[in-house]
């Protein structure tokens, strides 16, 4: 078999692999990843660390090489739950071929955008996109989604807002009811674990004696959703409750500093406590002071710079 045919067969095998994991009662899956069900942590574990991501990490791109593709892209809800998973195969095939391979039948709805034809198979959770308006235009890429996820999204957003409202009002009873409801209904959403951590530290009032519980919760949240809030919580627990500067430094180093400039202070402080390079320490303090000047941490950073 020549190289071209081997490449074609690998690409076909990939498409068939996707088709075998498409269920009839739920959105299509790939490698065990299912929109509306899988977490960011599960996506990273399966596809590897993102090659690129947007500032808020709602959209991430992964290495397509292991799957013989050109592009693999995941979109996430704020909750860290997978929203869609898109694949652009290494070779293009016709709409009819995809419909046959994936057992899709006729699309439930169709639309045209920017010179492309979009075909949605809602009952299978698959969308095919033709590159061009011709009937025989090849499929450029396809993605998996869950048509029922928006209803769930509204529900978990409502509970999250209840948590946030209770926090702003310092209503510990309402806060507890909200995070318990969230964890019960949506055990894979890290935000409700984060609210539980906050409740334990501010309402229970015994963070020192409960630090092992707090640490376990923070690690669980990161396993579900390795994102900024979760790493900040972990870093803060190591920083304030354990005084474990290397582990705090490691956690804070995972945070997007453009979105969270105050973390520069903690990076500088941890480096200072562990004997890190003076130039790097000053840079973190300076960045905090310049990018977050009016905050508590920006003011502390200026104080540190003044005495260095």
Protein backbone atom coordinates (compact mmCIF):
# COMPACT_ATOMS: atom_id res chain seq x y z
CA UNK A 1 0.00 0.00 0.00
CA UNK A 2 1.45 3.36 -1.00
CA UNK A 3 1.77 6.34 1.34
CA UNK A 4 -1.35 8.12 0.05
CA UNK A 5 -3.54 5.06 0.57
CA UNK A 6 -2.09 4.44 4.05
CA UNK A 7 -2.87 8.05 4.98
CA UNK A 8 -6.41 7.69 3.61
CA UNK A 9 -6.97 4.50 5.61
CA UNK A 10 -5.68 6.10 8.84
CA UNK A 11 -8.00 9.06 8.34
CA UNK A 12 -10.93 6.74 7.63
CA UNK A 13 -10.10 4.73 10.74
CA UNK A 14 -10.18 7.92 12.79
CA UNK A 15 -13.60 8.87 11.45
CA UNK A 16 -14.91 5.38 12.13
CA UNK A 17 -13.49 5.56 15.66
CA UNK A 18 -15.53 8.70 16.21
CA UNK A 19 -18.59 7.03 14.71
CA UNK A 20 -18.34 3.99 16.99
CA UNK A 21 -18.48 6.25 20.03
CA UNK A 22 -21.56 8.18 18.89
CA UNK A 23 -24.56 7.14 20.94
CA UNK A 24 -28.21 7.36 19.97
CA UNK A 25 -29.44 8.69 23.32
CA UNK A 26 -26.76 11.27 24.00
CA UNK A 27 -24.32 13.55 22.24
CA UNK A 28 -21.46 12.05 20.29
CA UNK A 29 -18.31 11.13 22.15
CA UNK A 30 -14.65 10.76 21.28
CA UNK A 31 -12.15 8.81 23.34
CA UNK A 32 -14.67 8.82 26.17
CA UNK A 33 -15.14 12.60 26.04
CA UNK A 34 -18.79 13.65 25.91
CA UNK A 35 -20.12 17.22 25.61
CA UNK A 36 -22.30 18.13 28.56
CA UNK A 37 -20.70 15.43 30.69
CA UNK A 38 -16.90 15.52 30.51
CA UNK A 39 -14.87 17.99 32.55
CA UNK A 40 -11.91 20.12 31.55
CA UNK A 41 -9.71 17.85 33.63
CA UNK A 42 -10.87 14.79 31.70
CA UNK A 43 -10.28 16.55 28.39
CA UNK A 44 -6.74 17.54 29.37
CA UNK A 45 -6.02 14.03 30.62
CA UNK A 46 -7.19 12.51 27.33
CA UNK A 47 -5.91 15.04 24.77
CA UNK A 48 -2.93 16.45 26.70
CA UNK A 49 -2.24 20.02 27.71
CA UNK A 50 -3.59 22.61 25.26
CA UNK A 51 -1.21 23.90 22.62
CA UNK A 52 -3.10 27.19 22.75
CA UNK A 53 -6.06 28.61 24.62
CA UNK A 54 -7.99 31.84 24.89
CA UNK A 55 -7.43 34.10 27.89
CA UNK A 56 -10.41 32.66 29.74
CA UNK A 57 -9.59 29.13 28.51
CA UNK A 58 -13.12 28.63 27.24
CA UNK A 59 -11.62 27.61 23.91
CA UNK A 60 -8.57 25.31 23.67
CA UNK A 61 -6.62 23.73 20.82
CA UNK A 62 -4.84 20.38 21.19
CA UNK A 63 -2.21 18.45 19.27
CA UNK A 64 -4.08 16.69 16.42
CA UNK A 65 -1.10 14.58 15.33
CA UNK A 66 -1.94 11.49 17.44
CA UNK A 67 -5.36 11.40 15.77
CA UNK A 68 -4.17 11.97 12.19
CA UNK A 69 -6.02 15.26 12.06
CA UNK A 70 -5.36 18.92 11.27
CA UNK A 71 -7.18 20.44 14.23
CA UNK A 72 -8.78 19.43 17.52
CA UNK A 73 -10.60 22.16 19.40
CA UNK A 74 -12.63 22.03 22.60
CA UNK A 75 -15.02 24.66 23.90
CA UNK A 76 -15.99 24.78 27.56
CA UNK A 77 -18.70 26.36 29.65
CA UNK A 78 -17.61 28.62 32.51
CA UNK A 79 -18.29 25.64 34.74
CA UNK A 80 -15.47 23.69 33.08
CA UNK A 81 -17.87 21.23 31.44
CA UNK A 82 -17.14 20.38 27.81
CA UNK A 83 -19.44 22.24 25.42
CA UNK A 84 -18.29 21.07 21.97
CA UNK A 85 -15.45 19.03 20.53
CA UNK A 86 -14.35 19.76 16.96
CA UNK A 87 -12.14 17.70 14.66
CA UNK A 88 -10.71 18.61 11.29
CA UNK A 89 -9.46 15.35 9.72
CA UNK A 90 -6.31 15.15 7.68
CA UNK A 91 -8.28 14.35 4.55
CA UNK A 92 -11.67 15.62 3.34
CA UNK A 93 -14.57 13.35 2.38
CA UNK A 94 -18.07 13.92 1.03
CA UNK A 95 -21.19 14.57 3.08
CA UNK A 96 -22.72 11.32 1.88
CA UNK A 97 -19.66 9.35 3.03
CA UNK A 98 -19.85 10.86 6.51
CA UNK A 99 -23.58 10.22 6.76
CA UNK A 100 -23.01 6.59 5.81
CA UNK A 101 -19.98 6.04 8.07
CA UNK A 102 -21.62 7.69 11.06
CA UNK A 103 -25.11 6.32 10.41
CA UNK A 104 -26.59 9.79 10.58
CA UNK A 105 -29.48 9.76 8.17
CA UNK A 106 -30.82 13.15 7.09
CA UNK A 107 -29.94 16.31 9.05
CA UNK A 108 -32.45 17.77 11.52
CA UNK A 109 -31.60 21.29 10.43
CA UNK A 110 -29.29 23.10 8.02
CA UNK A 111 -27.94 26.60 7.49
CA UNK A 112 -25.44 28.51 5.36
CA UNK A 113 -22.81 30.81 6.90
CA UNK A 114 -19.83 32.48 5.27
CA UNK A 115 -19.98 30.28 2.20
CA UNK A 116 -20.20 27.04 4.19
CA UNK A 117 -23.04 24.58 4.63
CA UNK A 118 -23.78 23.46 8.20
CA UNK A 119 -25.71 20.21 8.73
CA UNK A 120 -26.92 19.42 12.27
CA UNK A 121 -27.89 15.92 13.36
CA UNK A 122 -29.31 16.78 16.76
CA UNK A 123 -30.41 13.27 17.66
CA UNK A 124 -26.80 12.09 17.29
CA UNK A 125 -25.07 15.19 18.57
CA UNK A 126 -23.01 15.67 15.39
CA UNK A 127 -22.60 18.61 13.00
CA UNK A 128 -20.92 18.39 9.58
CA UNK A 129 -19.57 21.45 7.80
CA UNK A 130 -19.13 21.50 4.01
CA UNK A 131 -16.46 23.81 2.60
CA UNK A 132 -18.49 25.49 -0.14
CA UNK A 133 -22.04 25.65 -1.42
CA UNK A 134 -21.87 22.93 -4.05
CA UNK A 135 -23.83 19.73 -3.38
CA UNK A 136 -20.65 17.66 -3.62
CA UNK A 137 -18.48 20.07 -1.56
CA UNK A 138 -16.22 18.12 0.82
CA UNK A 139 -16.76 18.15 4.58
CA UNK A 140 -14.05 20.37 6.08
CA UNK A 141 -14.63 19.50 9.73
CA UNK A 142 -17.23 18.21 12.18
CA UNK A 143 -17.99 18.51 15.85
CA UNK A 144 -19.85 16.84 18.70
CA UNK A 145 -22.33 18.65 20.91
CA UNK A 146 -25.23 18.01 23.27
CA UNK A 147 -28.59 19.53 22.34
CA UNK A 148 -29.92 19.20 25.89
CA UNK A 149 -27.05 20.94 27.64
CA UNK A 150 -28.50 24.46 27.59
CA UNK A 151 -31.24 23.51 30.05
CA UNK A 152 -28.69 22.05 32.45
CA UNK A 153 -26.45 25.07 31.95
CA UNK A 154 -29.26 27.39 33.06
CA UNK A 155 -29.82 25.27 36.15
CA UNK A 156 -26.20 25.22 37.31
CA UNK A 157 -25.85 28.91 36.52
CA UNK A 158 -28.87 29.60 38.74
CA UNK A 159 -27.31 27.71 41.65
CA UNK A 160 -23.97 29.43 41.09
CA UNK A 161 -25.69 32.82 41.24
CA UNK A 162 -27.32 31.76 44.53
CA UNK A 163 -23.85 30.95 45.88
CA UNK A 164 -22.44 34.28 44.75
CA UNK A 165 -25.38 36.25 46.14
CA UNK A 166 -25.06 34.54 49.53
CA UNK A 167 -21.32 35.30 49.61
CA UNK A 168 -21.89 38.99 48.88
CA UNK A 169 -24.49 39.14 51.66
CA UNK A 170 -22.33 37.12 54.10
CA UNK A 171 -25.28 34.78 54.52
CA UNK A 172 -23.61 31.58 55.68
CA UNK A 173 -26.82 29.53 55.87
CA UNK A 174 -27.85 30.44 52.32
CA UNK A 175 -24.30 29.85 51.14
CA UNK A 176 -24.28 26.35 52.61
CA UNK A 177 -27.66 25.49 51.09
CA UNK A 178 -26.49 26.69 47.69
CA UNK A 179 -23.16 24.85 47.52
CA UNK A 180 -24.71 21.67 48.91
CA UNK A 181 -27.42 21.85 46.25
CA UNK A 182 -24.78 22.43 43.57
CA UNK A 183 -22.58 19.56 44.67
CA UNK A 184 -25.56 17.23 44.91
CA UNK A 185 -26.96 18.05 41.47
CA UNK A 186 -23.66 18.66 39.65
CA UNK A 187 -20.86 16.70 41.35
CA UNK A 188 -18.49 17.26 38.41
CA UNK A 189 -18.63 21.06 38.52
CA UNK A 190 -15.68 22.48 40.47
CA UNK A 191 -17.32 25.86 41.16
CA UNK A 192 -19.47 24.37 43.91
CA UNK A 193 -16.41 22.86 45.57
CA UNK A 194 -14.82 26.31 45.42
CA UNK A 195 -17.86 27.77 47.18
CA UNK A 196 -17.63 25.02 49.79
CA UNK A 197 -13.97 25.95 50.41
CA UNK A 198 -14.92 29.60 50.84
CA UNK A 199 -17.74 28.64 53.23
CA UNK A 200 -15.42 26.48 55.32
CA UNK A 201 -12.83 29.24 55.58
CA UNK A 202 -15.20 32.12 56.32
CA UNK A 203 -18.27 30.62 57.98
CA UNK A 204 -17.06 27.54 59.83
CA UNK A 205 -14.14 29.60 61.07
CA UNK A 206 -11.73 26.77 61.73
CA UNK A 207 -9.51 26.77 58.61
CA UNK A 208 -6.36 25.91 60.53
CA UNK A 209 -7.68 22.69 62.00
CA UNK A 210 -9.49 21.78 58.78
CA UNK A 211 -6.61 22.42 56.41
CA UNK A 212 -6.36 18.78 55.28
CA UNK A 213 -10.03 18.85 54.27
CA UNK A 214 -9.52 22.14 52.45
CA UNK A 215 -6.48 20.76 50.64
CA UNK A 216 -8.37 17.64 49.57
CA UNK A 217 -11.25 19.78 48.24
CA UNK A 218 -8.88 22.08 46.34
CA UNK A 219 -7.12 19.12 44.72
CA UNK A 220 -10.47 17.58 43.75
CA UNK A 221 -11.55 20.86 42.18
CA UNK A 222 -8.35 21.02 40.11
CA UNK A 223 -8.82 17.43 38.94
CA UNK A 224 -12.23 18.47 37.59
CA UNK A 225 -11.32 21.91 36.28
CA UNK A 226 -7.62 22.89 36.15
CA UNK A 227 -8.28 26.61 35.75
CA UNK A 228 -7.31 29.89 37.42
CA UNK A 229 -9.72 29.92 40.37
CA UNK A 230 -8.89 26.36 41.28
CA UNK A 231 -5.10 26.95 41.19
CA UNK A 232 -5.49 30.18 43.17
CA UNK A 233 -7.39 28.29 45.87
CA UNK A 234 -4.74 25.58 46.02
CA UNK A 235 -1.95 28.13 46.10
CA UNK A 236 -3.65 30.09 48.86
CA UNK A 237 -4.11 26.99 51.01
CA UNK A 238 -0.43 26.05 50.67
CA UNK A 239 0.57 29.70 51.20
CA UNK A 240 -1.59 30.66 54.17
CA UNK A 241 -2.36 27.39 55.95
CA UNK A 242 0.69 25.23 55.26
CA UNK A 243 3.35 27.87 54.61
CA UNK A 244 4.68 25.48 52.00
CA UNK A 245 6.26 28.04 49.71
CA UNK A 246 7.49 25.68 46.94
CA UNK A 247 4.03 24.09 46.56
CA UNK A 248 2.33 27.46 46.72
CA UNK A 249 4.74 28.73 44.05
CA UNK A 250 3.96 25.73 41.86
CA UNK A 251 0.20 26.30 42.13
CA UNK A 252 0.34 30.07 41.57
CA UNK A 253 2.61 29.52 38.55
CA UNK A 254 -0.34 27.87 36.74
CA UNK A 255 -2.48 31.01 36.95
CA UNK A 256 -3.05 33.35 34.00
CA UNK A 257 -1.31 36.49 35.26
CA UNK A 258 -2.91 38.79 32.70
CA UNK A 259 -6.32 38.01 34.13
CA UNK A 260 -5.09 37.83 37.75
CA UNK A 261 -2.25 40.38 38.17
CA UNK A 262 -2.43 40.21 42.00
CA UNK A 263 -0.87 36.74 41.81
CA UNK A 264 2.41 38.43 40.87
CA UNK A 265 2.70 39.43 44.54
CA UNK A 266 2.42 35.84 45.76
CA UNK A 267 4.87 34.60 43.14
CA UNK A 268 7.36 37.26 44.23
CA UNK A 269 6.83 36.49 47.90
CA UNK A 270 7.19 32.73 47.43
CA UNK A 271 10.36 33.23 45.40
CA UNK A 272 11.72 35.54 48.06
CA UNK A 273 10.98 33.01 50.79
CA UNK A 274 12.68 30.22 48.83
CA UNK A 275 15.75 32.23 47.87
CA UNK A 276 14.77 32.78 44.27
CA UNK A 277 16.52 35.15 41.82
CA UNK A 278 16.31 38.78 42.97
CA UNK A 279 15.63 40.00 39.44
CA UNK A 280 12.64 37.69 39.07
CA UNK A 281 11.33 38.66 42.51
CA UNK A 282 11.52 42.36 41.69
CA UNK A 283 9.81 41.81 38.36
CA UNK A 284 6.82 40.12 40.00
CA UNK A 285 6.48 42.87 42.61
CA UNK A 286 6.82 45.53 39.92
CA UNK A 287 4.23 43.86 37.69
CA UNK A 288 1.80 43.60 40.60
CA UNK A 289 2.33 47.24 41.57
CA UNK A 290 1.86 48.45 37.99
CA UNK A 291 -0.97 46.20 36.87
CA UNK A 292 -2.98 46.09 40.10
CA UNK A 293 -1.98 49.41 41.75
CA UNK A 294 -5.05 50.04 43.90
CA UNK A 295 -5.41 46.60 45.43
CA UNK A 296 -4.10 45.46 48.80
CA UNK A 297 -1.50 43.34 47.02
CA UNK A 298 -0.41 46.15 44.71
CA UNK A 299 0.29 48.35 47.74
CA UNK A 300 2.18 45.54 49.50
CA UNK A 301 4.21 44.98 46.33
CA UNK A 302 5.27 48.66 46.32
CA UNK A 303 6.34 48.31 49.95
CA UNK A 304 8.44 45.26 49.10
CA UNK A 305 10.09 47.07 46.19
CA UNK A 306 10.91 50.06 48.42
CA UNK A 307 12.87 47.93 50.86
CA UNK A 308 14.74 45.85 48.27
